[in-house]
Protein backbone atom coordinates (compact mmCIF):
# COMPACT_ATOMS: atom_id res chain seq x y z
CA ALA A 1 66.83 61.05 52.43
CA ALA A 2 65.90 64.66 53.13
CA ALA A 3 64.25 65.88 49.95
CA MET A 4 63.64 69.47 48.93
CA VAL A 5 60.73 71.00 50.80
CA ASN A 6 58.46 73.65 49.31
CA ALA A 7 56.09 75.66 51.48
CA PRO A 8 53.31 77.97 50.25
CA LYS A 9 53.59 81.72 50.97
CA THR A 10 50.13 81.68 52.57
CA LEU A 11 48.30 78.90 54.33
CA ARG A 12 44.78 78.55 55.74
CA THR A 13 44.74 76.96 59.18
CA PHE A 14 43.19 77.35 62.64
CA CYS A 15 44.04 80.48 64.64
CA LYS A 16 43.70 79.76 68.36
CA SER A 17 43.94 83.38 69.54
CA ALA A 18 41.07 84.74 71.64
CA ILE A 19 40.23 87.20 68.84
CA CYS A 20 39.84 84.69 65.96
CA LYS A 21 39.21 81.12 67.24
CA SER A 22 38.58 80.04 63.62
CA HIS A 23 40.38 79.18 60.39
CA GLN A 24 42.31 82.14 58.97
CA THR A 25 44.91 82.83 56.31
CA PHE A 26 48.46 82.79 57.66
CA LYS A 27 51.59 84.30 56.15
CA VAL A 28 54.42 81.75 56.11
CA THR A 29 58.06 82.69 56.82
CA GLN A 30 61.02 80.63 57.98
CA TYR A 31 61.82 80.80 61.70
CA LYS A 32 65.26 82.05 62.63
CA ALA A 33 66.66 81.99 66.17
CA GLY A 34 67.23 85.43 67.69
CA LYS A 35 70.56 86.82 68.84
CA ALA A 36 71.66 85.24 72.15
CA SER A 37 71.29 87.69 75.03
CA LEU A 38 74.25 88.55 77.26
CA VAL A 39 71.99 89.01 80.30
CA ALA A 40 70.31 85.57 80.19
CA GLN A 41 70.88 83.64 83.44
CA GLY A 42 72.71 80.75 81.78
CA LYS A 43 75.09 83.05 79.90
CA ARG A 44 75.87 85.06 83.07
CA ARG A 45 76.52 81.85 85.01
CA TYR A 46 78.73 80.48 82.21
CA ASP A 47 80.75 83.71 81.87
CA ASN A 48 81.24 83.86 85.64
CA LYS A 49 82.44 80.25 85.74
CA GLN A 50 84.87 80.83 82.85
CA LYS A 51 86.58 83.72 84.67
CA GLY A 52 90.13 83.36 85.98
CA PHE A 53 92.42 80.34 85.72
CA GLY A 54 91.30 76.78 85.08
CA GLY A 55 90.59 76.61 81.35
CA GLN A 56 87.31 75.43 79.85
CA THR A 57 84.87 74.61 82.66
CA LYS A 58 81.89 73.16 80.79
CA PRO A 59 81.84 70.39 78.16
CA VAL A 60 82.23 71.47 74.52
CA PHE A 61 80.12 69.29 72.21
CA HIS A 62 82.10 67.63 69.39
CA LYS A 63 80.16 64.51 68.35
CA LYS A 64 77.89 66.24 65.82
CA ALA A 65 75.85 63.63 63.98
CA LYS A 66 73.13 65.60 62.19
CA THR A 67 73.72 67.24 58.81
CA THR A 68 70.41 69.12 58.70
CA LYS A 69 68.19 71.08 61.07
CA LYS A 70 64.44 70.69 61.35
CA ILE A 71 62.67 73.46 59.48
CA THR A 72 60.31 75.58 61.55
CA LEU A 73 57.63 77.64 59.85
CA ARG A 74 56.61 80.94 61.41
CA LEU A 75 52.89 81.36 60.76
CA THR A 76 51.52 84.88 61.20
CA CYS A 77 47.73 85.37 61.22
CA THR A 78 46.65 88.02 58.72
CA GLN A 79 43.71 89.07 60.94
CA CYS A 80 45.13 89.36 64.47
CA LYS A 81 48.92 89.09 63.80
CA THR A 82 49.24 86.13 66.21
CA VAL A 83 52.37 84.09 65.52
CA ARG A 84 52.49 80.30 65.63
CA LEU A 85 55.58 78.15 65.09
CA LYS A 86 55.17 74.86 63.21
CA PRO A 87 58.14 72.50 63.00
CA ILE A 88 58.21 70.37 59.86
CA LYS A 89 60.62 67.71 58.60
CA ARG A 90 64.37 67.89 58.04
CA ALA A 91 65.67 69.03 54.69
CA LYS A 92 68.88 70.30 53.17
CA HIS A 93 66.97 72.53 50.79
CA PHE A 94 63.88 74.54 51.71
CA GLU A 95 62.00 77.26 49.87
CA ILE A 96 58.80 79.25 50.18
CA CYS A 97 57.11 79.44 46.78
CA ASP A 98 54.16 81.36 45.30
CA LYS A 99 51.93 78.48 44.27
CA LYS A 100 51.02 75.39 46.28
CA PRO A 101 53.44 72.54 45.58
CA LYS A 102 52.20 69.23 44.15
CA GLY A 103 53.09 65.77 45.43
CA LYS A 104 55.68 64.86 48.03
CA GLY A 105 57.49 67.42 50.17
CA ALA A 106 54.39 69.64 50.25
CA TYR A 107 53.14 71.37 53.38
């Protein structure tokens, strides 16, 4: 079962940027996908194909099996502002808390 996951607000881990190349403190936020661009090649191709008569041209996915998404942490280095994405486990409930969590579900 996907338990509740707590993540600390800050986290000390390795920064692989050319500036740091050492352990640094990282600010933790939750990753969110950006707005889909209208000028991306796939979107232009899809819109072009959809034009005119002939209905839906590409398959529409219906067999959704997953109830959760994998949580991705967005780690930002406090020294050089380099961003690193770290995927963690699946959970229905996720929160970023002030103090480090104890026991299971801790990252």
